[in-house]
C-alpha atoms as a PDB file:
ATOM      1  CA  MET A   1       0.000   0.000   0.000  1.00  0.00           C
ATOM      2  CA  GLY A   2       1.406   3.381  -0.951  1.00  0.00           C
ATOM      3  CA  VAL A   3       1.443   6.512   1.202  1.00  0.00           C
ATOM      4  CA  ALA A   4      -1.759   7.792  -0.439  1.00  0.00           C
ATOM      5  CA  GLY A   5      -3.561   4.528   0.371  1.00  0.00           C
ATOM      6  CA  PHE A   6      -2.315   4.622   3.966  1.00  0.00           C
ATOM      7  CA  VAL A   7      -3.522   8.214   4.442  1.00  0.00           C
ATOM      8  CA  LEU A   8      -6.888   7.400   2.838  1.00  0.00           C
ATOM      9  CA  CYS A   9      -7.394   4.418   5.177  1.00  0.00           C
ATOM     10  CA  ASN A  10      -6.512   6.497   8.238  1.00  0.00           C
ATOM     11  CA  VAL A  11      -8.866   9.305   7.232  1.00  0.00           C
ATOM     12  CA  ALA A  12     -11.691   6.830   6.545  1.00  0.00           C
ATOM     13  CA  ALA A  13     -11.097   5.087   9.868  1.00  0.00           C
ATOM     14  CA  SER A  14     -11.171   8.398  11.740  1.00  0.00           C
ATOM     15  CA  HIS A  15     -14.760   8.929  10.566  1.00  0.00           C
ATOM     16  CA  LEU A  16     -16.010   5.583  11.876  1.00  0.00           C
ATOM     17  CA  PRO A  17     -17.990   5.587  15.118  1.00  0.00           C
ATOM     18  CA  ARG A  18     -15.826   4.929  18.138  1.00  0.00           C
ATOM     19  CA  MET A  19     -16.216   1.486  19.655  1.00  0.00           C
ATOM     20  CA  HIS A  20     -16.114   1.059  23.389  1.00  0.00           C
ATOM     21  CA  HIS A  21     -13.078  -0.794  24.595  1.00  0.00           C
ATOM     22  CA  PRO A  22     -14.156  -4.178  26.039  1.00  0.00           C
ATOM     23  CA  SER A  23     -12.273  -3.518  29.284  1.00  0.00           C
ATOM     24  CA  ALA A  24     -14.406  -0.417  29.836  1.00  0.00           C
ATOM     25  CA  VAL A  25     -17.509  -2.586  30.216  1.00  0.00           C
ATOM     26  CA  ARG A  26     -18.444  -3.371  33.803  1.00  0.00           C
ATOM     27  CA  GLN A  27     -17.477  -6.942  34.586  1.00  0.00           C
ATOM     28  CA  THR A  28     -19.612  -9.158  36.786  1.00  0.00           C
ATOM     29  CA  SER A  29     -19.223 -12.825  37.469  1.00  0.00           C
ATOM     30  CA  GLY A  30     -21.192 -15.806  38.664  1.00  0.00           C
ATOM     31  CA  ALA A  31     -24.425 -15.120  40.497  1.00  0.00           C
ATOM     32  CA  ALA A  32     -23.598 -11.412  40.796  1.00  0.00           C
ATOM     33  CA  GLY A  33     -24.132 -10.992  37.042  1.00  0.00           C
ATOM     34  CA  LEU A  34     -27.638 -12.466  37.079  1.00  0.00           C
ATOM     35  CA  LYS A  35     -30.863 -10.562  37.654  1.00  0.00           C
ATOM     36  CA  ASN A  36     -32.133 -13.515  39.699  1.00  0.00           C
ATOM     37  CA  SER A  37     -29.106 -14.982  41.486  1.00  0.00           C
ATOM     38  CA  THR A  38     -31.165 -17.845  42.947  1.00  0.00           C
ATOM     39  CA  ILE A  39     -31.053 -19.630  39.567  1.00  0.00           C
ATOM     40  CA  PHE A  40     -27.247 -19.879  39.659  1.00  0.00           C
ATOM     41  CA  ARG A  41     -26.056 -23.391  40.549  1.00  0.00           C
ATOM     42  CA  SER A  42     -22.510 -24.590  40.970  1.00  0.00           C
ATOM     43  CA  LYS A  43     -23.466 -28.241  41.294  1.00  0.00           C
ATOM     44  CA  GLY A  44     -24.306 -31.039  38.877  1.00  0.00           C
ATOM     45  CA  LEU A  45     -27.875 -32.185  38.235  1.00  0.00           C
ATOM     46  CA  ILE A  46     -28.185 -35.968  38.588  1.00  0.00           C
ATOM     47  CA  GLY A  47     -31.528 -37.676  39.038  1.00  0.00           C
ATOM     48  CA  GLY A  48     -33.312 -34.394  39.708  1.00  0.00           C
ATOM     49  CA  GLN A  49     -30.946 -33.488  42.559  1.00  0.00           C
ATOM     50  CA  TRP A  50     -28.210 -30.852  42.624  1.00  0.00           C
ATOM     51  CA  VAL A  51     -25.086 -32.706  43.760  1.00  0.00           C
ATOM     52  CA  SER A  52     -21.390 -32.129  44.337  1.00  0.00           C
ATOM     53  CA  ALA A  53     -18.725 -34.525  43.102  1.00  0.00           C
ATOM     54  CA  HIS A  54     -18.464 -37.591  45.353  1.00  0.00           C
ATOM     55  CA  ASP A  55     -14.810 -36.823  46.110  1.00  0.00           C
ATOM     56  CA  GLY A  56     -15.442 -33.083  46.548  1.00  0.00           C
ATOM     57  CA  LYS A  57     -13.194 -32.074  43.637  1.00  0.00           C
ATOM     58  CA  THR A  58     -14.093 -28.910  41.747  1.00  0.00           C
ATOM     59  CA  LEU A  59     -13.125 -27.324  38.457  1.00  0.00           C
ATOM     60  CA  GLN A  60     -12.615 -23.589  38.041  1.00  0.00           C
ATOM     61  CA  VAL A  61     -14.602 -21.938  35.236  1.00  0.00           C
ATOM     62  CA  ASN A  62     -13.001 -18.783  33.873  1.00  0.00           C
ATOM     63  CA  ASN A  63     -14.264 -16.019  31.610  1.00  0.00           C
ATOM     64  CA  PRO A  64     -12.048 -16.558  28.525  1.00  0.00           C
ATOM     65  CA  SER A  65     -11.897 -12.854  27.683  1.00  0.00           C
ATOM     66  CA  THR A  66     -10.824 -11.635  31.129  1.00  0.00           C
ATOM     67  CA  GLY A  67      -9.504 -14.702  32.932  1.00  0.00           C
ATOM     68  CA  GLU A  68     -11.850 -13.853  35.802  1.00  0.00           C
ATOM     69  CA  ILE A  69     -13.121 -16.817  37.826  1.00  0.00           C
ATOM     70  CA  ILE A  70     -16.863 -17.242  37.187  1.00  0.00           C
ATOM     71  CA  ALA A  71     -17.523 -20.284  39.353  1.00  0.00           C
ATOM     72  CA  ASP A  72     -16.171 -23.485  40.837  1.00  0.00           C
ATOM     73  CA  VAL A  73     -18.203 -26.445  39.607  1.00  0.00           C
ATOM     74  CA  PRO A  74     -18.067 -30.125  40.589  1.00  0.00           C
ATOM     75  CA  PHE A  75     -15.414 -32.112  38.744  1.00  0.00           C
ATOM     76  CA  MET A  76     -17.600 -35.087  37.935  1.00  0.00           C
ATOM     77  CA  GLY A  77     -15.974 -38.406  37.163  1.00  0.00           C
ATOM     78  CA  ARG A  78     -16.776 -42.053  36.565  1.00  0.00           C
ATOM     79  CA  GLN A  79     -18.965 -42.502  39.658  1.00  0.00           C
ATOM     80  CA  GLU A  80     -21.130 -39.468  38.873  1.00  0.00           C
ATOM     81  CA  THR A  81     -21.404 -40.561  35.233  1.00  0.00           C
ATOM     82  CA  ASN A  82     -22.579 -44.018  36.302  1.00  0.00           C
ATOM     83  CA  ASP A  83     -25.098 -42.450  38.709  1.00  0.00           C
ATOM     84  CA  ALA A  84     -26.495 -40.277  35.905  1.00  0.00           C
ATOM     85  CA  ILE A  85     -26.790 -43.280  33.573  1.00  0.00           C
ATOM     86  CA  LEU A  86     -28.570 -45.351  36.248  1.00  0.00           C
ATOM     87  CA  PHE A  87     -31.107 -42.565  36.790  1.00  0.00           C
ATOM     88  CA  CYS A  88     -31.723 -42.328  33.024  1.00  0.00           C
ATOM     89  CA  ILE A  89     -32.197 -46.049  32.286  1.00  0.00           C
ATOM     90  CA  PRO A  90     -35.854 -46.167  33.463  1.00  0.00           C
ATOM     91  CA  SER A  91     -36.655 -43.350  31.008  1.00  0.00           C
ATOM     92  CA  PHE A  92     -35.929 -45.646  28.061  1.00  0.00           C
END
């Protein structure tokens, strides 16, 4: 691109509406960002019950754009998977 093209692009860009910088937006996380925070759950739903992992392990969920921690959720494994399957079998 020549100098004339560079100047033309800069002039055209200067007339575009300004976009807000993403970091200027108020950040909220987890239940704090919800209008009704009672609907926020950091557990797994198995057999109609909200449960934690059997061994108590959790997994951190982060906002990919900010790195902010949103929640800690149960780190479900084999036992929780088997429980979920057992609860589903009667449905078939």
